[in-house]
Amino acid sequence: MDGFTSRSVEVADGVHLRVDLSHEPSAPDRPTSAVVLLHGFPQTRHTWRHVAPRLAGEHFVVCPDLRGYGASSKPPATAPDVYSKRTMAADVLALADVLGVERFVVVGHDRGAHVAFRAALDHPGRVSHLACLDVLPTVETWDVLHGRGAAVAFHLYLMAQPPGLPEAVIRASADAFFGHFLDVWTKDPAAIGPRVREHYLRASREAVDSIVADYRALAGIDVEHDLASREAGHRLRVPVTVLQQDWGAQLGFDAAALWRPWAPDLEHLTTTAGHFMAEEAPGEVVEVIRALARR
């Protein structure tokens, strides 16, 4: 991104995140209020290219590739928790530690929103505000998928299968698979032009195993973690903004009502943009983040 610096940061033993920074943490006369932006599927940190620069005048903006995506490390899923959202959230906290950031706003889209949600639940002393773009919490995601309506999330079921078959199926037609989501989830095709599309396709085809492992965790260990948190009465103790498409109207659920038990201090908003709202409606996303940070 223009004006940003890029580096690789070790966040766990042998695991590095590639991150773009609006400026060096030690730079004088630059904002210290931090915003961490976490991308979704099938994308990389490049998804924030229209949002991050607009925030850089007010915040120290941090845009990593998640574990398993883009130019970050892709460790083999030798255990269920390697790609749990708890582990991926710990990566984000370790990144903040290296950068000298004590508290920060975290904004996540799609996969990144699940990571951001877990970061805010597990580390309320470090996360000051949370924004989740176009997801439901993990348990509720599975609960609302019923009958024919669940076809919109066929990829969740495919990648939930035991190791072997999903990876082989996706690898055999990776561009068609990942390109499908870039096409059908975008209301404005011009928002993801040919060069950006090829970047996402290349990054995804090089990360099939880790992407599947990330999704497999969503159907397994992430559900276990969220159920345990719900049973223990854990709630998001920070201001929360959720911005989503109006999937509830299409699939028959009240999205705000599903979010509210987790987030007592909730602002729930809908957008007319497509799923990739940071690229289709960056100005709207920027204003949502600015309003959240002021709460």
Protein backbone atom coordinates (compact mmCIF):
# COMPACT_ATOMS: atom_id res chain seq x y z
CA MET A 1 0.00 0.00 0.00
CA ASP A 2 1.24 3.45 -0.85
CA GLY A 3 3.16 5.00 2.01
CA PHE A 4 3.21 1.79 4.07
CA THR A 5 6.22 -0.28 5.05
CA SER A 6 6.28 -4.08 5.00
CA ARG A 7 8.07 -6.55 7.23
CA SER A 8 7.94 -10.13 8.46
CA VAL A 9 7.39 -10.57 12.20
CA GLU A 10 7.85 -13.80 14.17
CA VAL A 11 4.76 -14.34 16.34
CA ALA A 12 5.26 -17.96 17.40
CA ASP A 13 7.99 -20.55 17.11
CA GLY A 14 8.72 -20.69 13.38
CA VAL A 15 5.58 -18.71 12.46
CA HIS A 16 5.98 -15.32 10.81
CA LEU A 17 3.30 -12.86 9.73
CA ARG A 18 3.88 -10.55 6.80
CA VAL A 19 2.53 -7.15 7.83
CA ASP A 20 2.08 -3.72 6.28
CA LEU A 21 2.48 -0.76 8.65
CA SER A 22 1.35 2.83 8.13
CA HIS A 23 4.62 3.91 9.76
CA GLU A 24 7.34 2.58 12.00
CA PRO A 25 6.19 2.31 15.64
CA SER A 26 9.03 4.54 16.79
CA ALA A 27 8.37 7.27 14.20
CA PRO A 28 8.05 10.69 15.89
CA ASP A 29 4.96 12.87 15.48
CA ARG A 30 2.84 10.03 14.11
CA PRO A 31 -0.41 8.63 15.53
CA THR A 32 -0.03 6.01 18.25
CA SER A 33 -3.68 4.92 18.47
CA ALA A 34 -3.55 1.52 16.78
CA VAL A 35 -6.01 -0.18 14.41
CA VAL A 36 -5.36 -3.76 13.32
CA LEU A 37 -7.13 -4.83 10.10
CA LEU A 38 -7.60 -8.58 9.50
CA HIS A 39 -8.55 -9.80 6.02
CA GLY A 40 -10.88 -12.60 4.98
CA PHE A 41 -11.20 -15.42 2.42
CA PRO A 42 -10.00 -15.82 -0.29
CA GLN A 43 -7.91 -12.72 0.18
CA THR A 44 -4.81 -11.20 1.75
CA ARG A 45 -3.96 -7.96 3.52
CA HIS A 46 -4.28 -6.31 0.10
CA THR A 47 -8.05 -6.17 0.69
CA TRP A 48 -7.46 -3.08 2.89
CA ARG A 49 -5.66 -1.08 0.19
CA HIS A 50 -8.48 1.53 -0.04
CA VAL A 51 -9.23 1.62 3.70
CA ALA A 52 -5.87 1.58 5.49
CA PRO A 53 -4.38 4.73 3.89
CA ARG A 54 -7.48 6.75 4.84
CA LEU A 55 -7.05 5.76 8.47
CA ALA A 56 -3.30 6.36 8.56
CA GLY A 57 -3.60 10.06 9.38
CA GLU A 58 -5.43 9.23 12.63
CA HIS A 59 -4.08 5.81 13.61
CA PHE A 60 -1.11 3.49 13.56
CA VAL A 61 -2.54 1.03 11.01
CA VAL A 62 -1.41 -2.60 11.05
CA CYS A 63 -2.41 -4.98 8.23
CA PRO A 64 -1.10 -8.55 8.55
CA ASP A 65 -1.65 -11.58 6.39
CA LEU A 66 -3.25 -14.13 8.69
CA ARG A 67 -1.42 -17.35 9.54
CA GLY A 68 -1.94 -19.66 6.57
CA TYR A 69 -2.64 -16.89 4.05
CA GLY A 70 -0.71 -14.67 1.65
CA ALA A 71 2.94 -14.19 2.49
CA SER A 72 2.62 -15.36 6.11
CA SER A 73 3.77 -18.76 7.38
CA LYS A 74 1.65 -21.80 6.62
CA PRO A 75 2.52 -24.37 9.28
CA PRO A 76 1.16 -27.90 8.76
CA ALA A 77 -2.01 -28.63 10.72
CA THR A 78 -0.42 -31.28 12.93
CA ALA A 79 -3.02 -30.66 15.66
CA PRO A 80 -6.55 -29.22 15.70
CA ASP A 81 -5.47 -25.98 17.36
CA VAL A 82 -2.81 -24.98 14.81
CA TYR A 83 -5.47 -23.01 12.92
CA SER A 84 -7.94 -22.40 15.73
CA LYS A 85 -9.10 -18.81 15.95
CA ARG A 86 -7.65 -18.75 19.47
CA THR A 87 -4.21 -19.54 18.05
CA MET A 88 -4.60 -17.05 15.22
CA ALA A 89 -5.74 -14.40 17.70
CA ALA A 90 -2.64 -15.12 19.78
CA ASP A 91 -0.61 -14.38 16.63
CA VAL A 92 -2.22 -10.94 16.50
CA LEU A 93 -1.45 -10.27 20.16
CA ALA A 94 2.16 -11.37 19.66
CA LEU A 95 2.40 -9.04 16.66
CA ALA A 96 1.12 -6.18 18.82
CA ASP A 97 3.72 -7.03 21.45
CA VAL A 98 6.56 -6.87 18.93
CA LEU A 99 5.27 -3.52 17.66
CA GLY A 100 4.95 -2.13 21.18
CA VAL A 101 1.16 -1.76 20.96
CA GLU A 102 -0.61 -2.18 24.29
CA ARG A 103 -4.27 -1.66 23.26
CA PHE A 104 -5.81 -1.53 19.82
CA VAL A 105 -8.98 -1.48 17.77
CA VAL A 106 -9.34 -4.72 15.82
CA VAL A 107 -11.37 -4.91 12.63
CA GLY A 108 -11.93 -8.25 10.94
CA HIS A 109 -13.64 -9.24 7.72
CA ASP A 110 -14.87 -12.79 7.09
CA ARG A 111 -12.15 -15.14 8.43
CA GLY A 112 -10.43 -12.19 10.04
CA ALA A 113 -13.65 -11.33 11.87
CA HIS A 114 -13.65 -14.74 13.57
CA VAL A 115 -10.05 -14.14 14.63
CA ALA A 116 -10.90 -10.63 15.85
CA PHE A 117 -13.89 -11.96 17.81
CA ARG A 118 -11.71 -14.48 19.63
CA ALA A 119 -9.01 -11.86 20.26
CA ALA A 120 -11.55 -9.59 21.94
CA LEU A 121 -13.01 -12.45 24.00
CA ASP A 122 -9.65 -13.79 25.14
CA HIS A 123 -7.83 -10.48 25.59
CA PRO A 124 -10.28 -7.77 26.71
CA GLY A 125 -7.43 -5.87 28.35
CA ARG A 126 -5.68 -5.50 25.01
CA VAL A 127 -8.56 -5.03 22.55
CA SER A 128 -10.32 -1.70 23.03
CA HIS A 129 -12.94 -1.93 20.25
CA LEU A 130 -14.10 -4.66 17.86
CA ALA A 131 -15.59 -4.48 14.36
CA CYS A 132 -16.75 -7.61 12.53
CA LEU A 133 -17.60 -7.37 8.84
CA ASP A 134 -20.11 -9.76 7.28
CA VAL A 135 -20.04 -12.74 9.64
CA LEU A 136 -21.98 -14.25 12.50
CA PRO A 137 -20.23 -15.75 15.52
CA THR A 138 -19.04 -19.31 14.91
CA VAL A 139 -21.72 -21.31 16.73
CA GLU A 140 -24.48 -19.13 15.32
CA THR A 141 -23.06 -19.51 11.81
CA TRP A 142 -23.69 -23.23 11.94
CA ASP A 143 -27.03 -22.86 13.72
CA VAL A 144 -28.64 -20.71 10.99
CA LEU A 145 -27.65 -22.93 8.04
CA HIS A 146 -30.67 -25.09 7.25
CA GLY A 147 -32.09 -26.85 4.20
CA ARG A 148 -31.66 -25.37 0.77
CA GLY A 149 -30.51 -22.04 2.21
CA ALA A 150 -27.37 -23.75 3.45
CA ALA A 151 -26.26 -24.16 -0.19
CA VAL A 152 -24.83 -20.63 -0.07
CA ALA A 153 -22.25 -21.98 2.38
CA PHE A 154 -21.36 -25.23 0.62
CA HIS A 155 -17.66 -24.46 1.09
CA LEU A 156 -18.05 -24.63 4.87
CA TYR A 157 -19.25 -28.20 4.62
CA LEU A 158 -16.67 -29.21 2.03
CA MET A 159 -13.73 -27.92 4.04
CA ALA A 160 -15.08 -29.39 7.28
CA GLN A 161 -14.40 -32.90 5.99
CA PRO A 162 -11.42 -34.94 7.29
CA PRO A 163 -8.02 -34.20 5.73
CA GLY A 164 -7.46 -35.47 2.23
CA LEU A 165 -10.58 -35.11 0.10
CA PRO A 166 -11.24 -31.35 0.41
CA GLU A 167 -7.63 -30.49 -0.32
CA ALA A 168 -7.53 -32.79 -3.36
CA VAL A 169 -10.82 -31.49 -4.78
CA ILE A 170 -9.88 -27.83 -4.35
CA ARG A 171 -6.30 -28.24 -5.56
CA ALA A 172 -7.54 -29.91 -8.76
CA SER A 173 -9.51 -26.77 -9.71
CA ALA A 174 -8.15 -24.08 -7.40
CA ASP A 175 -8.73 -21.07 -9.64
CA ALA A 176 -12.30 -22.12 -10.39
CA PHE A 177 -13.00 -22.75 -6.71
CA PHE A 178 -11.54 -19.55 -5.29
CA GLY A 179 -12.63 -17.49 -8.29
CA HIS A 180 -16.23 -18.58 -7.72
CA PHE A 181 -16.36 -16.66 -4.43
CA LEU A 182 -14.67 -13.59 -5.86
CA ASP A 183 -17.39 -13.56 -8.53
CA VAL A 184 -20.61 -14.41 -6.69
CA TRP A 185 -19.86 -12.46 -3.50
CA THR A 186 -19.10 -9.23 -5.38
CA LYS A 187 -21.90 -6.87 -6.38
CA ASP A 188 -19.51 -4.54 -8.20
CA PRO A 189 -17.14 -6.64 -10.36
CA ALA A 190 -14.93 -3.59 -10.97
CA ALA A 191 -14.03 -3.53 -7.27
CA ILE A 192 -11.72 -6.51 -7.79
CA GLY A 193 -9.98 -5.91 -11.08
CA PRO A 194 -7.95 -8.46 -13.07
CA ARG A 195 -4.61 -7.79 -11.36
CA VAL A 196 -6.08 -7.95 -7.86
CA ARG A 197 -8.09 -11.04 -8.77
CA GLU A 198 -4.96 -12.81 -10.01
CA HIS A 199 -3.13 -11.87 -6.80
CA TYR A 200 -5.89 -13.46 -4.71
CA LEU A 201 -6.05 -16.55 -6.90
CA ARG A 202 -2.29 -17.06 -6.82
CA ALA A 203 -2.11 -16.55 -3.06
CA SER A 204 -5.00 -18.96 -2.49
CA ARG A 205 -3.79 -21.72 -4.80
CA GLU A 206 -0.47 -21.62 -2.91
CA ALA A 207 -2.27 -22.02 0.44
CA VAL A 208 -4.88 -24.73 -0.14
CA ASP A 209 -3.85 -26.91 2.80
CA SER A 210 -3.74 -24.07 5.32
CA ILE A 211 -6.97 -22.47 4.10
CA VAL A 212 -8.79 -25.79 4.44
CA ALA A 213 -7.27 -26.26 7.89
CA ASP A 214 -8.55 -22.83 8.90
CA TYR A 215 -12.08 -23.73 7.79
CA ARG A 216 -11.87 -27.21 9.31
CA ALA A 217 -11.11 -25.57 12.65
CA LEU A 218 -14.29 -23.50 12.28
CA ALA A 219 -16.33 -26.71 12.27
CA GLY A 220 -14.43 -28.30 15.14
CA ILE A 221 -12.22 -26.72 17.74
CA ASP A 222 -13.57 -23.19 17.21
CA VAL A 223 -17.08 -24.40 18.01
CA GLU A 224 -15.75 -26.10 21.14
CA HIS A 225 -14.03 -22.88 22.23
CA ASP A 226 -17.09 -20.73 21.63
CA LEU A 227 -19.45 -23.14 23.38
CA ALA A 228 -17.11 -23.19 26.37
CA SER A 229 -17.00 -19.39 26.39
CA ARG A 230 -20.78 -19.15 26.19
CA GLU A 231 -21.23 -21.70 28.98
CA ALA A 232 -18.79 -19.74 31.15
CA GLY A 233 -20.75 -16.53 30.55
CA HIS A 234 -17.95 -14.80 28.67
CA ARG A 235 -19.08 -11.75 26.72
CA LEU A 236 -17.40 -9.07 24.63
CA ARG A 237 -16.61 -6.34 27.14
CA VAL A 238 -15.76 -3.72 24.52
CA PRO A 239 -17.78 -1.59 22.09
CA VAL A 240 -18.68 -3.76 19.10
CA THR A 241 -19.80 -2.78 15.61
CA VAL A 242 -21.07 -5.38 13.16
CA LEU A 243 -21.48 -4.41 9.51
CA GLN A 244 -23.06 -7.02 7.26
CA GLN A 245 -25.15 -7.64 4.24
CA ASP A 246 -28.75 -8.36 5.16
CA TRP A 247 -28.35 -12.13 5.06
CA GLY A 248 -30.91 -12.50 7.81
CA ALA A 249 -33.70 -11.24 5.58
CA GLN A 250 -32.71 -13.79 2.93
CA LEU A 251 -32.15 -16.79 5.20
CA GLY A 252 -34.72 -16.08 7.89
CA PHE A 253 -32.81 -14.99 10.98
CA ASP A 254 -32.32 -11.80 12.98
CA ALA A 255 -28.58 -11.14 12.79
CA ALA A 256 -28.55 -8.43 15.46
CA ALA A 257 -30.42 -10.72 17.86
CA LEU A 258 -27.79 -13.42 17.30
CA TRP A 259 -24.96 -10.99 17.99
CA ARG A 260 -26.45 -9.24 21.03
CA PRO A 261 -25.96 -12.04 23.62
CA TRP A 262 -22.24 -11.90 22.83
CA ALA A 263 -21.99 -8.12 22.57
CA PRO A 264 -23.98 -6.05 25.09
CA ASP A 265 -22.52 -2.81 23.65
CA LEU A 266 -23.49 -3.51 20.03
CA GLU A 267 -24.11 -1.35 16.99
CA HIS A 268 -25.43 -3.53 14.19
CA LEU A 269 -25.45 -2.06 10.69
CA THR A 270 -26.31 -3.36 7.23
CA THR A 271 -24.76 -2.37 3.94
CA THR A 272 -25.92 -2.51 0.33
CA ALA A 273 -22.36 -3.40 -0.74
CA GLY A 274 -21.35 -6.96 -1.46
CA HIS A 275 -19.33 -9.23 0.80
CA PHE A 276 -16.02 -7.59 -0.11
CA MET A 277 -17.16 -4.27 1.32
CA ALA A 278 -13.67 -2.92 2.05
CA GLU A 279 -13.15 -2.92 -1.73
CA GLU A 280 -16.68 -2.11 -2.87
CA ALA A 281 -17.50 0.56 -0.27
CA PRO A 282 -14.24 1.61 1.38
CA GLY A 283 -15.56 5.02 2.39
CA GLU A 284 -18.42 3.42 4.28
CA VAL A 285 -16.06 1.01 6.03
CA VAL A 286 -13.69 3.84 7.00
CA GLU A 287 -16.54 5.84 8.55
CA VAL A 288 -17.75 2.79 10.47
CA ILE A 289 -14.26 2.27 11.91
CA ARG A 290 -13.89 5.95 12.80
CA ALA A 291 -17.26 5.98 14.56
CA LEU A 292 -16.39 2.81 16.46
CA ALA A 293 -13.05 4.22 17.63
CA ARG A 294 -14.87 7.28 19.04
CA ARG A 295 -17.22 5.19 21.19
